[in-house]
Amino acid sequence: MKLTFFSLIFPLLGLAQWDGNLTPTYPELIRIYQKWDKNHQEIELYEMGESDTEFPVYVVILNGAGDSLKTFQKAKESTTLLVNNAIHAGEPDGVNACLLWIEEWIKKGKPVHDLPVIAIIPAYNVGGMMNRSSSSRANQDGPEEYGFRGNAQNLDLNRDFIKMDSKNMWTFAKIYHALDPDVLVDTHVSNGADYQYTLTFIHSMKERIAPGMYNLLKQKYIPHLTETLRKKGWDWSPYVETKGETPESGIEAFNDLPRYAQGYGTLFNALSITVETHMLKPFPQRVKATKDYLSFLFAWTYENNRGIEGAREQAFLRDHNQVAKTFEFQYQLTDKTDSILFKGYEFGHKASEVSGKSRLFYDRSKPYQKNIPYYQTHLAYDSVRIPKGYIVSAEAKGVIERMKANNIRFIEIDSSTKQVHSIRILDFESGSKPYEGHYLHRKVKSMENEEIVRIPKGSIWIPCDQDKANFILTVLEPRCEDSYFAWNLMDSYIQEKEYFSAYVFEDEAAKLLKENPSLREQLEKKKAEDPEFAKSGEAQLFFIYQNSQRFEKKTFNRLPIYKVY
């Protein structure tokens, strides 16, 4: 690693430079943690696995047990908080905030009696950290240099938690399940409207989390958060995703799908939080706000450890007892509104000096405080009955490997013939342009058929009565927004492999209609109902082919996933 000016003077200056408008490079950052690991037994640095660059992903643990086995065991058995920094490497507020918090903690004598186990990923997007500039964040006030949003594959890692296209995510899964954190916080910087707040937060969508977790959030966390931050000079707002052009139109609660870090944590019943500092506030101010929030969260997690552990225990108990109940998904915001007191700026429109067209502007000389609509109620538009479990056929290796990476409990089974419910895809839509390396499927329609199938050796049986049931259902039910089917892991199963030559099949089709009056009746009915079908000889011939023994009915559109009720 190349030594830089700042890495050379670091021993002389301590961390003072990270309190200003600078943020460390990845080599500088890791050297700081390596030095702390060497000099302080309370700080443990572990190289956890590969990223999509030549540099690894690390995790730092405070208040561990002194060696890796005991420390990770302590994390699983104790109340543990995981901070994920720089998933977007151009948003390094959490990077600096953690450095400054730890430096202060060292100066105080490294007290651990009032701390949970704290795990910190110094910078998750290693490739983005290596791609530094001063220009890619057009709407952001500092720091002087920073990393890039995309990783080395140009993936947005905050869309990769389910699909696992990056080596980073395989390493994150290893870290996450080794720790089993009770609280997960992902540090970011916002985009969007202008307003007075430095701190905004995304908290888990209330319809997606267990009742005990929601009560903990609403009754214990939110009031304490508001009171503590106000004493430190900070107000906060829910993340400002506006319904219209400006906040006055209302703000919408974020749908934290499990493709995101926060939604991924929610699947495993962690109290999951995204902190979003405001892009137009100066970098040192954003860092201080993030540090003050983390300081609050560390203390709150320790003080409420029994409540957190109890709420998670109840959530996992609920997951174990979901069989034969209903799993809901495809959540959408409703028109139901609540009111929220918001501190913004008056806005207006004027002629653009670039185009001459009308443009929006905010007037910071005219701050306001008023109630605005808050859309925070979601409704599920789809659901399935939860089976006893799933069988994933051996050839679906990508699915099985991802199950292993996420510590899903399963049993390998020998070849056999079983009566199961197969899943067939009836219809779906895909994007016209790639999204994070995929043509994401949506509006998926599927059906189940009870049938006897041959299960090959190496297939796996995944029972649904386990802690990770929400993850299992989310990825294996094809209609779910972030299912493995939606993310193209099973596209080969939805392509017809055999066909026919019309001039050959015409005679056989005519014979089939003569011998099968019910087939002719179906054909005539479809012609009567569908004028376009009636005009097309090709479509009619294909209809007969699909309803003949020639068609690949056994495998057509059938996924390599089976359900057992």
Protein backbone atom coordinates (compact mmCIF):
# COMPACT_ATOMS: atom_id res chain seq x y z
CA MET A 1 0.00 0.00 0.00
CA LYS A 2 1.37 3.40 -0.96
CA LEU A 3 2.15 5.69 1.97
CA THR A 4 0.43 9.06 1.72
CA PHE A 5 1.23 12.35 3.39
CA PHE A 6 -1.57 11.86 5.92
CA SER A 7 -0.53 8.30 6.77
CA LEU A 8 2.99 9.54 7.46
CA ILE A 9 1.89 12.33 9.83
CA PHE A 10 -0.94 10.32 11.46
CA PRO A 11 1.18 9.28 14.48
CA LEU A 12 1.93 12.95 15.17
CA LEU A 13 -1.53 14.43 14.65
CA GLY A 14 -3.76 11.68 16.07
CA LEU A 15 -7.15 11.89 14.37
CA ALA A 16 -7.56 15.66 14.40
CA GLN A 17 -7.66 15.86 10.60
CA TRP A 18 -10.75 13.63 10.46
CA ASP A 19 -12.67 16.24 12.46
CA GLY A 20 -12.45 18.64 9.51
CA ASN A 21 -13.19 18.37 5.80
CA LEU A 22 -11.06 15.29 5.08
CA THR A 23 -11.83 11.59 5.10
CA PRO A 24 -9.22 8.79 4.96
CA THR A 25 -8.41 6.58 2.02
CA TYR A 26 -9.03 2.89 2.52
CA PRO A 27 -5.35 2.09 3.23
CA GLU A 28 -5.17 4.98 5.71
CA LEU A 29 -8.38 3.84 7.39
CA ILE A 30 -7.26 0.25 7.82
CA ARG A 31 -3.83 1.33 9.12
CA ILE A 32 -5.55 3.32 11.86
CA TYR A 33 -7.54 0.27 12.93
CA GLN A 34 -4.48 -1.99 12.66
CA LYS A 35 -2.63 0.33 15.01
CA TRP A 36 -5.52 0.34 17.48
CA ASP A 37 -5.79 -3.44 17.26
CA LYS A 38 -2.08 -3.71 18.11
CA ASN A 39 -2.15 -1.23 21.00
CA HIS A 40 -5.56 -1.87 22.65
CA GLN A 41 -6.82 -5.31 23.65
CA GLU A 42 -10.38 -3.95 23.75
CA ILE A 43 -10.22 -3.28 19.96
CA GLU A 44 -10.10 -6.32 17.67
CA LEU A 45 -9.67 -6.09 13.89
CA TYR A 46 -10.53 -9.11 11.74
CA GLU A 47 -10.01 -9.61 8.02
CA MET A 48 -13.30 -11.26 7.09
CA GLY A 49 -13.13 -11.96 3.37
CA GLU A 50 -12.87 -10.71 -0.17
CA SER A 51 -14.26 -7.60 -1.79
CA ASP A 52 -14.43 -7.04 -5.54
CA THR A 53 -10.93 -5.50 -5.39
CA GLU A 54 -7.61 -6.86 -4.21
CA PHE A 55 -8.28 -5.44 -0.74
CA PRO A 56 -10.35 -7.35 1.86
CA VAL A 57 -13.35 -6.36 3.97
CA TYR A 58 -12.68 -6.00 7.71
CA VAL A 59 -14.77 -5.88 10.84
CA VAL A 60 -13.71 -4.11 14.04
CA ILE A 61 -15.12 -5.31 17.37
CA LEU A 62 -15.16 -3.35 20.60
CA ASN A 63 -15.92 -5.06 23.91
CA GLY A 64 -15.15 -8.49 22.52
CA ALA A 65 -13.53 -11.42 24.33
CA GLY A 66 -9.93 -11.28 23.16
CA ASP A 67 -9.83 -13.87 20.40
CA SER A 68 -11.94 -14.55 17.34
CA LEU A 69 -13.81 -17.67 18.51
CA LYS A 70 -14.70 -16.28 21.93
CA THR A 71 -15.50 -12.82 20.54
CA PHE A 72 -17.94 -14.02 17.89
CA GLN A 73 -19.52 -16.40 20.38
CA LYS A 74 -19.93 -13.50 22.82
CA ALA A 75 -21.51 -11.42 20.05
CA LYS A 76 -24.10 -14.13 19.39
CA GLU A 77 -24.88 -14.61 23.08
CA SER A 78 -24.83 -10.91 24.07
CA THR A 79 -26.57 -7.81 22.78
CA THR A 80 -24.63 -6.78 19.68
CA LEU A 81 -24.78 -3.74 17.44
CA LEU A 82 -23.35 -3.65 13.89
CA VAL A 83 -22.43 -0.40 12.14
CA ASN A 84 -22.00 -0.60 8.36
CA ASN A 85 -20.06 2.33 6.90
CA ALA A 86 -19.43 3.57 3.36
CA ILE A 87 -21.70 1.20 1.49
CA HIS A 88 -21.77 4.26 -0.75
CA ALA A 89 -18.17 5.33 -0.47
CA GLY A 90 -18.96 8.92 -1.43
CA GLU A 91 -20.95 9.14 1.82
CA PRO A 92 -18.17 8.74 4.41
CA ASP A 93 -19.83 10.41 7.40
CA GLY A 94 -19.95 7.14 9.34
CA VAL A 95 -16.30 6.40 8.53
CA ASN A 96 -15.13 9.57 10.27
CA ALA A 97 -17.76 9.42 13.00
CA CYS A 98 -16.59 5.97 14.13
CA LEU A 99 -12.93 7.03 14.12
CA LEU A 100 -13.68 10.08 16.26
CA TRP A 101 -15.98 8.17 18.63
CA ILE A 102 -13.35 5.47 19.23
CA GLU A 103 -10.61 8.05 19.77
CA GLU A 104 -12.74 9.74 22.43
CA TRP A 105 -13.50 6.35 23.99
CA ILE A 106 -9.79 5.52 24.18
CA LYS A 107 -9.09 8.86 25.88
CA LYS A 108 -11.81 8.07 28.45
CA GLY A 109 -10.03 4.85 29.36
CA LYS A 110 -11.99 2.48 27.09
CA PRO A 111 -14.86 1.74 29.50
CA VAL A 112 -16.87 -1.32 28.44
CA HIS A 113 -19.19 -1.73 31.45
CA ASP A 114 -21.94 0.32 29.74
CA LEU A 115 -21.50 -0.86 26.15
CA PRO A 116 -22.99 -3.65 24.06
CA VAL A 117 -20.68 -5.62 21.80
CA ILE A 118 -20.01 -3.08 19.02
CA ALA A 119 -19.01 -4.31 15.57
CA ILE A 120 -18.01 -1.82 12.88
CA ILE A 121 -17.34 -2.44 9.21
CA PRO A 122 -14.84 0.42 8.65
CA ALA A 123 -15.77 0.76 4.96
CA TYR A 124 -17.85 -1.87 3.18
CA ASN A 125 -17.54 -0.63 -0.42
CA VAL A 126 -13.80 -1.15 -0.80
CA GLY A 127 -13.80 -0.64 -4.57
CA GLY A 128 -15.72 2.61 -4.20
CA MET A 129 -13.26 3.77 -1.53
CA MET A 130 -10.39 3.24 -3.99
CA ASN A 131 -12.15 5.28 -6.70
CA ARG A 132 -11.66 8.73 -5.15
CA SER A 133 -12.42 12.16 -6.58
CA SER A 134 -13.71 15.56 -5.58
CA SER A 135 -16.47 15.81 -8.15
CA SER A 136 -18.83 12.82 -8.33
CA ARG A 137 -21.18 14.01 -5.56
CA ALA A 138 -22.59 17.06 -7.34
CA ASN A 139 -25.05 17.99 -4.57
CA GLN A 140 -22.90 17.29 -1.52
CA ASP A 141 -20.99 19.73 0.72
CA GLY A 142 -17.66 18.00 1.38
CA PRO A 143 -15.39 16.33 2.19
CA GLU A 144 -12.59 17.47 -0.09
CA GLU A 145 -12.13 13.98 -1.56
CA TYR A 146 -14.30 10.90 -1.23
CA GLY A 147 -15.07 7.56 -2.82
CA PHE A 148 -17.63 6.53 -5.42
CA ARG A 149 -21.14 5.12 -5.13
CA GLY A 150 -20.52 2.05 -7.29
CA ASN A 151 -18.16 -0.71 -6.25
CA ALA A 152 -15.42 -2.24 -8.41
CA GLN A 153 -18.12 -3.96 -10.52
CA ASN A 154 -20.03 -0.65 -10.62
CA LEU A 155 -22.73 -2.27 -8.48
CA ASP A 156 -24.71 -0.31 -5.92
CA LEU A 157 -24.03 -2.55 -2.94
CA ASN A 158 -27.17 -1.27 -1.25
CA ARG A 159 -29.18 -3.19 -3.84
CA ASP A 160 -27.17 -6.42 -3.55
CA PHE A 161 -28.14 -7.98 -0.23
CA ILE A 162 -30.48 -10.59 -1.71
CA LYS A 163 -28.98 -11.24 -5.14
CA MET A 164 -25.35 -11.40 -3.89
CA ASP A 165 -23.58 -10.45 -7.13
CA SER A 166 -20.57 -9.00 -5.30
CA LYS A 167 -17.85 -10.72 -3.30
CA ASN A 168 -18.49 -7.96 -0.76
CA MET A 169 -21.95 -9.37 -0.03
CA TRP A 170 -20.70 -12.93 0.45
CA THR A 171 -18.29 -11.48 3.02
CA PHE A 172 -21.04 -9.35 4.59
CA ALA A 173 -23.22 -12.44 5.02
CA LYS A 174 -20.31 -14.15 6.76
CA ILE A 175 -19.90 -11.17 9.12
CA TYR A 176 -23.62 -10.77 9.72
CA HIS A 177 -24.37 -14.36 10.63
CA ALA A 178 -21.20 -14.73 12.68
CA LEU A 179 -22.41 -11.80 14.82
CA ASP A 180 -26.22 -12.19 14.62
CA PRO A 181 -26.59 -8.48 15.50
CA ASP A 182 -29.55 -7.28 17.51
CA VAL A 183 -29.23 -3.77 16.07
CA LEU A 184 -28.02 -2.84 12.58
CA VAL A 185 -27.27 0.72 11.49
CA ASP A 186 -26.24 1.68 7.96
CA THR A 187 -24.68 5.16 7.57
CA HIS A 188 -25.54 7.32 4.54
CA VAL A 189 -25.86 10.85 3.16
CA SER A 190 -29.18 11.82 1.58
CA ASN A 191 -30.15 13.22 -1.79
CA GLY A 192 -33.27 15.23 -2.52
CA ALA A 193 -35.04 18.25 -1.04
CA ASP A 194 -33.55 21.05 1.07
CA TYR A 195 -34.66 21.41 4.70
CA GLN A 196 -33.32 22.40 8.11
CA TYR A 197 -32.44 18.96 9.51
CA THR A 198 -28.95 17.49 9.50
CA LEU A 199 -30.21 14.07 10.63
CA THR A 200 -32.92 11.97 9.03
CA PHE A 201 -33.65 8.29 9.62
CA ILE A 202 -35.27 5.32 7.96
CA HIS A 203 -36.67 2.90 10.52
CA SER A 204 -38.07 -0.52 9.68
CA MET A 205 -41.44 -0.45 7.94
CA LYS A 206 -43.98 -1.11 10.67
CA GLU A 207 -46.01 -3.62 8.64
CA ARG A 208 -42.95 -5.78 8.01
CA ILE A 209 -41.62 -6.22 11.55
CA ALA A 210 -42.89 -8.25 14.49
CA PRO A 211 -45.28 -6.43 16.87
CA GLY A 212 -42.82 -6.54 19.77
CA MET A 213 -40.07 -4.99 17.65
CA TYR A 214 -42.42 -2.23 16.51
CA ASN A 215 -43.53 -1.50 20.09
CA LEU A 216 -39.89 -1.31 21.18
CA LEU A 217 -39.18 1.13 18.35
CA LYS A 218 -42.22 3.31 19.02
CA GLN A 219 -42.33 3.31 22.81
CA LYS A 220 -38.69 3.05 23.88
CA TYR A 221 -36.43 4.05 21.02
CA ILE A 222 -38.15 7.02 19.31
CA PRO A 223 -38.88 9.06 22.49
CA HIS A 224 -35.36 8.51 23.84
CA LEU A 225 -33.85 9.31 20.44
CA THR A 226 -35.72 12.60 20.19
CA GLU A 227 -34.91 13.67 23.74
CA THR A 228 -31.22 12.74 23.59
CA LEU A 229 -30.54 14.33 20.22
CA ARG A 230 -32.36 17.52 21.22
CA LYS A 231 -30.05 17.86 24.24
CA LYS A 232 -27.12 17.63 21.84
CA GLY A 233 -28.61 20.32 19.60
CA TRP A 234 -30.13 18.14 16.88
CA ASP A 235 -33.67 17.78 15.61
CA TRP A 236 -34.43 14.91 13.27
CA SER A 237 -36.97 13.91 10.67
CA PRO A 238 -38.01 10.70 8.97
CA TYR A 239 -36.14 10.31 5.70
CA VAL A 240 -37.42 12.95 3.29
CA GLU A 241 -38.75 11.11 0.27
CA THR A 242 -41.28 13.57 -1.08
CA LYS A 243 -44.58 12.56 -2.63
CA GLY A 244 -44.42 15.49 -5.02
CA GLU A 245 -41.80 18.07 -5.87
CA THR A 246 -41.30 19.46 -2.36
CA PRO A 247 -41.88 18.34 1.26
CA GLU A 248 -45.15 20.28 1.47
CA SER A 249 -46.67 17.62 -0.80
CA GLY A 250 -45.97 15.12 1.97
CA ILE A 251 -43.20 12.66 2.72
CA GLU A 252 -43.42 8.92 2.24
CA ALA A 253 -42.18 6.17 4.55
CA PHE A 254 -39.49 4.19 2.77
CA ASN A 255 -40.28 0.63 1.69
CA ASP A 256 -37.16 -1.10 3.01
CA LEU A 257 -37.09 -4.14 0.73
CA PRO A 258 -34.48 -6.77 1.61
CA ARG A 259 -32.28 -5.77 -1.34
CA TYR A 260 -31.19 -2.96 1.02
CA ALA A 261 -29.00 -3.40 4.11
CA GLN A 262 -31.80 -2.31 6.42
CA GLY A 263 -34.40 -4.59 4.86
CA TYR A 264 -31.94 -7.49 4.96
CA GLY A 265 -31.45 -6.97 8.70
CA THR A 266 -35.22 -6.79 9.21
CA LEU A 267 -35.58 -10.29 7.71
CA PHE A 268 -33.53 -11.58 10.65
CA ASN A 269 -35.44 -9.55 13.25
CA ALA A 270 -32.68 -7.02 13.88
CA LEU A 271 -33.71 -3.51 14.86
CA SER A 272 -32.59 -2.01 11.55
CA ILE A 273 -31.91 1.69 11.01
CA THR A 274 -30.52 3.81 8.19
CA VAL A 275 -29.09 7.20 9.19
CA GLU A 276 -29.16 9.75 6.38
CA THR A 277 -27.40 13.04 7.03
CA HIS A 278 -28.38 15.95 4.78
CA MET A 279 -26.12 16.43 1.76
CA LEU A 280 -26.16 20.25 1.87
CA LYS A 281 -24.89 20.51 5.45
CA PRO A 282 -21.09 20.87 5.82
CA PHE A 283 -19.20 17.60 6.19
CA PRO A 284 -17.86 18.28 9.72
CA GLN A 285 -21.42 19.04 10.88
CA ARG A 286 -22.72 15.82 9.33
CA VAL A 287 -19.91 13.79 10.93
CA LYS A 288 -20.63 15.27 14.36
CA ALA A 289 -24.35 14.53 13.98
CA THR A 290 -23.60 10.94 12.98
CA LYS A 291 -21.18 10.54 15.90
CA ASP A 292 -23.74 11.92 18.35
CA TYR A 293 -26.35 9.53 16.99
CA LEU A 294 -24.03 6.53 17.27
CA SER A 295 -23.14 7.56 20.81
CA PHE A 296 -26.85 7.62 21.64
CA LEU A 297 -27.45 4.27 19.94
CA PHE A 298 -24.56 2.53 21.71
CA ALA A 299 -25.84 3.69 25.09
CA TRP A 300 -29.51 3.01 24.29
CA THR A 301 -28.74 -0.52 23.06
CA TYR A 302 -26.92 -1.35 26.31
CA GLU A 303 -29.59 0.20 28.53
CA ASN A 304 -32.39 -1.64 26.70
CA ASN A 305 -30.59 -4.92 26.12
CA ARG A 306 -33.21 -7.01 27.90
CA GLY A 307 -36.05 -5.39 25.99
CA ILE A 308 -34.25 -5.85 22.67
CA GLU A 309 -33.38 -9.48 23.37
CA GLY A 310 -36.93 -10.19 24.57
CA ALA A 311 -38.54 -8.59 21.52
CA ARG A 312 -36.27 -10.55 19.17
CA GLU A 313 -36.98 -13.79 21.04
CA GLN A 314 -40.71 -13.24 20.58
CA ALA A 315 -40.17 -12.39 16.90
CA PHE A 316 -38.24 -15.61 16.31
CA LEU A 317 -40.90 -17.59 18.19
CA ARG A 318 -43.48 -16.10 15.84
CA ASP A 319 -41.35 -17.11 12.85
CA HIS A 320 -41.15 -20.69 14.08
CA ASN A 321 -44.93 -20.88 14.39
CA GLN A 322 -45.91 -19.44 10.99
CA VAL A 323 -46.50 -22.76 9.20
CA ALA A 324 -49.98 -22.83 7.57
CA LYS A 325 -50.40 -19.12 8.26
CA THR A 326 -50.10 -16.32 5.71
CA PHE A 327 -46.97 -14.54 4.49
CA GLU A 328 -47.72 -11.10 3.03
CA PHE A 329 -45.68 -9.16 0.47
CA GLN A 330 -45.96 -6.68 -2.41
CA TYR A 331 -46.49 -3.81 0.04
CA GLN A 332 -47.58 -0.46 -1.35
CA LEU A 333 -48.26 2.86 0.31
CA THR A 334 -51.89 3.74 0.85
CA ASP A 335 -53.44 7.20 0.68
CA LYS A 336 -53.84 7.25 4.48
CA THR A 337 -51.98 10.23 5.91
CA ASP A 338 -50.72 11.25 9.30
CA SER A 339 -49.43 14.69 10.14
CA ILE A 340 -45.82 15.47 11.02
CA LEU A 341 -44.24 18.71 12.21
CA PHE A 342 -41.57 19.58 9.67
CA LYS A 343 -38.82 22.21 9.55
CA GLY A 344 -38.22 23.24 5.99
CA TYR A 345 -37.56 26.23 3.77
CA GLU A 346 -39.94 28.21 1.62
CA PHE A 347 -39.59 27.38 -2.04
CA GLY A 348 -40.40 29.03 -5.32
CA HIS A 349 -39.79 28.87 -9.06
CA LYS A 350 -37.86 31.15 -11.34
CA ALA A 351 -36.46 31.11 -14.85
CA SER A 352 -33.41 28.92 -15.28
CA GLU A 353 -30.26 30.75 -16.38
CA VAL A 354 -29.35 27.60 -18.32
CA SER A 355 -32.52 26.69 -20.18
CA GLY A 356 -34.86 29.59 -19.56
CA LYS A 357 -37.42 27.12 -18.25
CA SER A 358 -38.96 27.25 -14.79
CA ARG A 359 -36.74 25.78 -12.05
CA LEU A 360 -37.23 25.03 -8.36
CA PHE A 361 -35.29 26.84 -5.64
CA TYR A 362 -35.36 26.84 -1.83
CA ASP A 363 -34.95 30.10 0.11
CA ARG A 364 -32.85 29.45 3.23
CA SER A 365 -33.60 32.98 4.45
CA LYS A 366 -37.20 31.85 4.93
CA PRO A 367 -37.25 28.82 7.24
CA TYR A 368 -40.62 27.48 8.33
CA GLN A 369 -42.06 25.01 10.81
CA LYS A 370 -45.40 23.52 9.82
CA ASN A 371 -47.36 20.29 9.72
CA ILE A 372 -47.14 18.34 6.49
CA PRO A 373 -48.69 15.02 5.41
CA TYR A 374 -46.79 11.84 6.30
CA TYR A 375 -47.66 8.73 4.30
CA GLN A 376 -46.52 5.81 6.43
CA THR A 377 -49.17 3.09 6.05
CA HIS A 378 -48.45 0.21 3.69
CA LEU A 379 -50.85 -2.49 2.52
CA ALA A 380 -49.85 -5.94 1.26
CA TYR A 381 -51.30 -6.72 -2.16
CA ASP A 382 -50.27 -10.37 -2.29
CA SER A 383 -49.77 -13.31 0.07
CA VAL A 384 -49.14 -17.06 0.20
CA ARG A 385 -49.93 -19.85 2.62
CA ILE A 386 -46.75 -20.85 4.43
CA PRO A 387 -45.77 -24.47 3.78
CA LYS A 388 -44.01 -26.89 6.11
CA GLY A 389 -40.98 -26.37 3.95
CA TYR A 390 -39.37 -26.22 0.53
CA ILE A 391 -37.29 -28.62 -1.52
CA VAL A 392 -34.67 -26.95 -3.70
CA SER A 393 -33.56 -29.28 -6.48
CA ALA A 394 -29.84 -30.06 -6.67
CA GLU A 395 -29.30 -28.38 -10.04
CA ALA A 396 -30.28 -24.96 -8.61
CA LYS A 397 -26.76 -24.50 -7.29
CA GLY A 398 -26.90 -20.70 -7.13
CA VAL A 399 -29.93 -20.87 -4.86
CA ILE A 400 -28.39 -23.55 -2.62
CA GLU A 401 -25.10 -21.65 -2.29
CA ARG A 402 -26.95 -18.52 -1.20
CA MET A 403 -28.89 -20.54 1.37
CA LYS A 404 -25.62 -21.80 2.79
CA ALA A 405 -24.14 -18.30 2.86
CA ASN A 406 -27.10 -17.05 4.90
CA ASN A 407 -26.88 -19.89 7.44
CA ILE A 408 -30.25 -21.35 6.52
CA ARG A 409 -30.95 -24.63 8.28
CA PHE A 410 -31.52 -27.42 5.77
CA ILE A 411 -31.01 -31.16 5.23
CA GLU A 412 -29.43 -32.68 2.13
CA ILE A 413 -31.62 -35.46 0.75
CA ASP A 414 -30.97 -38.51 -1.39
CA SER A 415 -32.64 -39.13 -4.72
CA SER A 416 -36.28 -40.09 -4.35
CA THR A 417 -39.74 -39.62 -5.78
CA LYS A 418 -42.00 -37.33 -3.79
CA GLN A 419 -45.47 -35.87 -3.93
CA VAL A 420 -45.04 -32.10 -3.78
CA HIS A 421 -46.55 -28.83 -4.93
CA SER A 422 -44.58 -27.58 -7.90
CA ILE A 423 -44.42 -23.88 -8.78
CA ARG A 424 -45.02 -22.77 -12.36
CA ILE A 425 -44.68 -19.26 -13.75
CA LEU A 426 -47.71 -18.06 -15.69
CA ASP A 427 -46.65 -14.52 -16.58
CA PHE A 428 -44.29 -11.70 -15.65
CA GLU A 429 -42.86 -8.43 -16.90
CA SER A 430 -39.20 -7.43 -17.06
CA GLY A 431 -37.52 -4.05 -17.31
CA SER A 432 -36.41 -2.79 -20.71
CA LYS A 433 -33.05 -1.72 -19.26
CA PRO A 434 -30.75 -3.52 -16.82
CA TYR A 435 -31.07 -2.64 -13.15
CA GLU A 436 -27.98 -3.47 -11.08
CA GLY A 437 -26.90 -6.05 -13.63
CA HIS A 438 -30.33 -7.71 -13.95
CA TYR A 439 -33.59 -7.43 -15.83
CA LEU A 440 -35.68 -7.54 -12.67
CA HIS A 441 -38.97 -9.43 -13.03
CA ARG A 442 -42.14 -7.87 -11.66
CA LYS A 443 -45.90 -8.46 -11.79
CA VAL A 444 -45.15 -12.16 -11.50
CA LYS A 445 -48.06 -14.60 -11.72
CA SER A 446 -47.57 -18.19 -10.62
CA MET A 447 -49.57 -21.30 -9.82
CA GLU A 448 -49.01 -24.49 -7.85
CA ASN A 449 -49.68 -28.04 -9.01
CA GLU A 450 -49.72 -31.10 -6.82
CA GLU A 451 -47.66 -33.74 -8.60
CA ILE A 452 -45.14 -36.52 -8.15
CA VAL A 453 -41.61 -35.50 -9.12
CA ARG A 454 -38.18 -37.07 -8.99
CA ILE A 455 -35.90 -35.31 -6.52
CA PRO A 456 -32.20 -35.76 -7.41
CA LYS A 457 -29.46 -36.48 -4.88
CA GLY A 458 -27.96 -33.28 -3.48
CA SER A 459 -31.31 -31.50 -3.25
CA ILE A 460 -32.08 -29.82 0.05
CA TRP A 461 -35.08 -29.80 2.39
CA ILE A 462 -35.62 -26.42 4.07
CA PRO A 463 -38.14 -26.45 6.94
CA CYS A 464 -40.03 -23.21 7.54
CA ASP A 465 -40.15 -23.59 11.33
CA GLN A 466 -36.83 -21.82 11.89
CA ASP A 467 -35.43 -18.42 12.84
CA LYS A 468 -34.76 -17.42 9.25
CA ALA A 469 -38.24 -18.22 7.91
CA ASN A 470 -38.79 -14.68 6.63
CA PHE A 471 -35.66 -14.89 4.50
CA ILE A 472 -36.66 -18.30 3.13
CA LEU A 473 -40.13 -17.13 2.10
CA THR A 474 -38.84 -13.87 0.65
CA VAL A 475 -36.34 -15.49 -1.70
CA LEU A 476 -38.18 -18.70 -2.66
CA GLU A 477 -41.69 -17.37 -3.32
CA PRO A 478 -41.39 -16.13 -6.93
CA ARG A 479 -44.01 -13.40 -6.61
CA CYS A 480 -42.08 -11.64 -3.83
CA GLU A 481 -40.42 -8.41 -4.95
CA ASP A 482 -36.90 -9.59 -4.14
CA SER A 483 -37.24 -13.30 -4.79
CA TYR A 484 -34.47 -15.26 -6.46
CA PHE A 485 -36.83 -15.65 -9.41
CA ALA A 486 -37.32 -11.87 -9.62
CA TRP A 487 -33.53 -11.42 -9.66
CA ASN A 488 -33.12 -13.83 -12.62
CA LEU A 489 -31.57 -16.78 -10.77
CA MET A 490 -34.03 -19.16 -12.47
CA ASP A 491 -34.52 -17.69 -15.93
CA SER A 492 -33.41 -20.89 -17.71
CA TYR A 493 -36.51 -22.63 -16.38
CA ILE A 494 -38.91 -20.27 -18.16
CA GLN A 495 -37.72 -20.83 -21.71
CA GLU A 496 -39.41 -23.33 -24.00
CA LYS A 497 -36.86 -25.81 -25.36
CA GLU A 498 -38.74 -27.79 -28.04
CA TYR A 499 -40.91 -26.53 -30.90
CA PHE A 500 -42.50 -27.69 -34.16
CA SER A 501 -42.49 -26.94 -37.87
CA ALA A 502 -45.95 -25.74 -38.84
CA TYR A 503 -46.10 -27.55 -42.20
CA VAL A 504 -45.41 -30.86 -40.40
CA PHE A 505 -47.67 -30.33 -37.40
CA GLU A 506 -50.68 -29.06 -39.41
CA ASP A 507 -51.83 -32.55 -40.30
CA GLU A 508 -51.38 -33.85 -36.77
CA ALA A 509 -53.23 -30.85 -35.35
CA ALA A 510 -56.19 -31.49 -37.66
CA LYS A 511 -56.24 -35.12 -36.57
CA LEU A 512 -56.13 -34.10 -32.88
CA LEU A 513 -59.17 -31.84 -33.34
CA LYS A 514 -61.14 -34.65 -35.01
CA GLU A 515 -60.26 -37.13 -32.26
CA ASN A 516 -60.72 -34.72 -29.35
CA PRO A 517 -64.00 -32.76 -29.43
CA SER A 518 -63.25 -31.06 -26.09
CA LEU A 519 -60.02 -29.62 -27.54
CA ARG A 520 -61.94 -28.25 -30.54
CA GLU A 521 -64.47 -26.76 -28.10
CA GLN A 522 -61.64 -25.02 -26.18
CA LEU A 523 -60.20 -23.70 -29.45
CA GLU A 524 -63.53 -22.31 -30.64
CA LYS A 525 -64.19 -20.71 -27.28
CA LYS A 526 -60.82 -18.94 -27.31
CA LYS A 527 -61.41 -17.73 -30.87
CA ALA A 528 -64.76 -16.28 -29.82
CA GLU A 529 -63.27 -14.53 -26.80
CA ASP A 530 -60.06 -13.26 -28.45
CA PRO A 531 -60.40 -11.58 -31.87
CA GLU A 532 -56.63 -11.33 -32.35
CA PHE A 533 -56.28 -15.03 -31.65
CA ALA A 534 -59.06 -15.76 -34.15
CA LYS A 535 -57.14 -13.92 -36.88
CA SER A 536 -53.89 -15.83 -36.32
CA GLY A 537 -53.47 -19.31 -37.76
CA GLU A 538 -50.07 -19.54 -36.10
CA ALA A 539 -51.53 -18.78 -32.65
CA GLN A 540 -54.25 -21.38 -33.12
CA LEU A 541 -51.75 -24.02 -34.18
CA PHE A 542 -49.60 -23.25 -31.16
CA PHE A 543 -52.67 -23.50 -28.89
CA ILE A 544 -53.26 -27.05 -30.16
CA TYR A 545 -49.58 -27.87 -29.76
CA GLN A 546 -49.61 -26.63 -26.14
CA ASN A 547 -52.60 -28.84 -25.40
CA SER A 548 -51.13 -31.96 -26.99
CA GLN A 549 -48.84 -34.65 -25.64
CA ARG A 550 -46.05 -33.18 -27.80
CA PHE A 551 -45.71 -30.16 -25.54
CA GLU A 552 -43.12 -30.17 -22.72
CA LYS A 553 -45.78 -29.94 -20.04
CA LYS A 554 -43.67 -31.72 -17.46
CA THR A 555 -40.99 -29.05 -17.27
CA PHE A 556 -42.42 -25.95 -18.95
CA ASN A 557 -42.10 -22.90 -16.67
CA ARG A 558 -41.64 -25.14 -13.64
CA LEU A 559 -39.14 -23.81 -11.12
CA PRO A 560 -36.64 -26.11 -9.35
CA ILE A 561 -38.39 -25.38 -6.06
CA TYR A 562 -41.13 -27.52 -4.55
CA LYS A 563 -43.40 -26.94 -1.58
CA VAL A 564 -44.61 -29.43 1.00
CA TYR A 565 -47.71 -28.57 3.05
